[in-house]
Protein backbone atom coordinates (compact mmCIF):
# COMPACT_ATOMS: atom_id res chain seq x y z
CA UNK A 1 -46.15 43.70 42.57
CA UNK A 2 -44.50 45.40 39.58
CA UNK A 3 -41.06 44.65 38.10
CA UNK A 4 -39.32 47.46 39.98
CA UNK A 5 -40.74 46.26 43.31
CA UNK A 6 -39.68 42.66 42.65
CA UNK A 7 -36.21 43.77 41.61
CA UNK A 8 -35.95 46.00 44.68
CA UNK A 9 -36.98 43.16 46.96
CA UNK A 10 -34.45 40.82 45.37
CA UNK A 11 -31.71 43.49 45.57
CA UNK A 12 -32.35 43.99 49.30
CA UNK A 13 -32.26 40.26 49.98
CA UNK A 14 -29.07 39.75 48.00
CA UNK A 15 -27.37 42.81 49.50
CA UNK A 16 -28.08 41.52 53.01
CA UNK A 17 -26.69 38.13 52.02
CA UNK A 18 -23.62 39.80 50.47
CA UNK A 19 -22.94 41.62 53.74
CA UNK A 20 -23.44 38.40 55.74
CA UNK A 21 -20.75 36.73 53.63
CA UNK A 22 -18.46 39.66 54.51
CA UNK A 23 -19.09 39.07 58.23
CA UNK A 24 -18.58 35.31 57.85
CA UNK A 25 -15.26 35.86 56.11
CA UNK A 26 -14.13 38.10 58.96
CA UNK A 27 -15.05 35.37 61.47
CA UNK A 28 -12.96 32.86 59.50
CA UNK A 29 -10.02 35.31 59.55
CA UNK A 30 -10.34 35.89 63.29
CA UNK A 31 -10.59 32.15 63.90
CA UNK A 32 -7.38 31.65 61.90
CA UNK A 33 -5.57 34.23 64.04
CA UNK A 34 -6.85 32.60 67.25
CA UNK A 35 -5.93 29.14 65.95
CA UNK A 36 -2.38 30.22 65.22
CA UNK A 37 -1.95 31.86 68.60
CA UNK A 38 -3.31 28.81 70.43
CA UNK A 39 -1.30 26.47 68.22
CA UNK A 40 1.90 28.33 68.97
CA UNK A 41 1.10 28.53 72.69
CA UNK A 42 0.47 24.78 72.89
CA UNK A 43 3.35 23.95 70.51
CA UNK A 44 1.17 22.21 67.93
CA UNK A 45 3.13 20.59 65.11
CA UNK A 46 3.74 23.17 62.38
CA UNK A 47 2.60 20.82 59.64
CA UNK A 48 -0.84 20.39 61.21
CA UNK A 49 -1.13 24.05 62.07
CA UNK A 50 -0.14 25.08 58.56
CA UNK A 51 -2.58 22.60 57.05
CA UNK A 52 -5.43 23.99 59.17
CA UNK A 53 -4.54 27.55 58.15
CA UNK A 54 -4.56 26.53 54.48
CA UNK A 55 -7.97 24.89 54.95
CA UNK A 56 -9.35 28.10 56.50
CA UNK A 57 -7.80 30.17 53.71
CA UNK A 58 -9.42 27.98 51.06
CA UNK A 59 -12.71 28.08 52.97
CA UNK A 60 -12.70 31.86 52.83
CA UNK A 61 -11.93 31.61 49.11
CA UNK A 62 -15.11 29.55 48.72
CA UNK A 63 -17.12 32.08 50.75
CA UNK A 64 -15.76 34.90 48.61
CA UNK A 65 -16.69 33.00 45.46
CA UNK A 66 -20.28 32.72 46.67
CA UNK A 67 -20.20 36.42 47.55
CA UNK A 68 -18.84 37.24 44.10
CA UNK A 69 -21.70 35.38 42.42
CA UNK A 70 -24.22 37.31 44.51
CA UNK A 71 -22.40 40.53 43.60
CA UNK A 72 -22.71 39.73 39.90
CA UNK A 73 -26.45 39.25 40.31
CA UNK A 74 -26.74 42.52 42.25
CA UNK A 75 -25.00 44.36 39.40
CA UNK A 76 -27.39 42.79 36.90
CA UNK A 77 -30.38 43.90 38.98
CA UNK A 78 -28.97 47.41 39.31
CA UNK A 79 -28.62 47.60 35.51
CA UNK A 80 -32.27 46.55 35.10
CA UNK A 81 -33.41 49.08 37.70
CA UNK A 82 -31.42 51.75 35.88
CA UNK A 83 -33.15 50.77 32.62
CA UNK A 84 -36.52 51.02 34.33
CA UNK A 85 -35.75 54.50 35.66
CA UNK A 86 -34.60 55.73 32.25
CA UNK A 87 -37.57 54.13 30.53
CA UNK A 88 -40.02 55.56 33.07
CA UNK A 89 -39.42 59.06 31.75
CA UNK A 90 -40.49 58.09 28.23
CA UNK A 91 -42.74 55.05 28.60
CA UNK A 92 -43.41 52.23 30.98
CA UNK A 93 -40.99 49.45 30.02
CA UNK A 94 -40.96 46.36 32.23
CA UNK A 95 -37.78 44.54 33.17
CA UNK A 96 -36.89 41.59 30.98
CA UNK A 97 -39.28 38.65 31.39
CA UNK A 98 -38.37 36.74 34.54
CA UNK A 99 -35.65 39.26 35.45
CA UNK A 100 -36.25 39.20 39.19
CA UNK A 101 -35.75 36.18 41.45
CA UNK A 102 -33.46 34.29 39.09
CA UNK A 103 -30.20 34.06 41.07
CA UNK A 104 -30.01 30.27 41.15
CA UNK A 105 -31.39 29.78 37.64
CA UNK A 106 -28.91 32.29 36.24
CA UNK A 107 -26.06 30.63 38.16
CA UNK A 108 -27.08 27.13 37.09
CA UNK A 109 -27.08 28.23 33.45
CA UNK A 110 -23.39 29.21 33.60
CA UNK A 111 -22.09 26.94 36.38
CA UNK A 112 -18.59 25.69 35.61
CA UNK A 113 -17.57 22.15 36.45
CA UNK A 114 -14.74 20.36 38.26
CA UNK A 115 -11.36 21.97 37.75
CA UNK A 116 -12.87 25.30 36.64
CA UNK A 117 -14.82 25.76 39.87
CA UNK A 118 -11.76 24.86 41.98
CA UNK A 119 -9.75 27.40 39.95
CA UNK A 120 -12.45 29.99 40.69
CA UNK A 121 -12.18 29.24 44.42
CA UNK A 122 -8.38 29.55 44.28
CA UNK A 123 -8.57 32.80 42.30
CA UNK A 124 -10.77 34.28 45.02
CA UNK A 125 -8.48 32.92 47.74
CA UNK A 126 -5.43 34.77 46.40
CA UNK A 127 -7.11 38.16 46.24
CA UNK A 128 -5.22 40.47 48.64
CA UNK A 129 -8.24 41.07 50.87
CA UNK A 130 -8.63 37.32 51.30
CA UNK A 131 -4.96 36.31 51.43
CA UNK A 132 -4.42 38.66 54.34
CA UNK A 133 -3.92 37.48 57.11
CA UNK A 134 -3.34 33.87 56.00
CA UNK A 135 -0.04 34.50 54.22
CA UNK A 136 1.18 36.50 57.23
CA UNK A 137 0.00 33.82 59.67
CA UNK A 138 1.74 31.08 57.69
CA UNK A 139 4.93 33.15 57.58
CA UNK A 140 4.72 33.71 61.35
CA UNK A 141 4.16 30.02 61.92
CA UNK A 142 7.21 29.14 59.81
CA UNK A 143 9.29 31.76 61.63
CA UNK A 144 8.30 30.39 65.05
CA UNK A 145 8.94 26.83 63.83
CA UNK A 146 12.43 27.74 62.64
CA UNK A 147 13.25 29.49 65.92
CA UNK A 148 12.07 26.68 68.17
């Protein structure tokens, strides 16, 4: 198997995983909506309901962080594939040594610790595509709590 084939195989695997994270994040969002509706219907204490929504929001932030790491690796692979295609016209130039199948090794080499990783999770949690619907659900919960 040549470098391009290995990179292509890794790209396909990572892209499928990236899309699975997208589906998982949608399930978390839908669960949060259902949880709020059930919580309001059964008059669950707002503190507990809000806490559970915050937990789900943070959980999606963690999922999105994992997805982001996979996305970074996909971009790296695409750059190597692009180099291979450009090099193929002039001479056969292999991808960098060990370029394919290095997602975990590459991540381990730059893995942040403690506070930094929590900050990364929070940064992903406040992205608009993640924050919606949690901010809206929390606002609705507070509105219903104030009314009742």
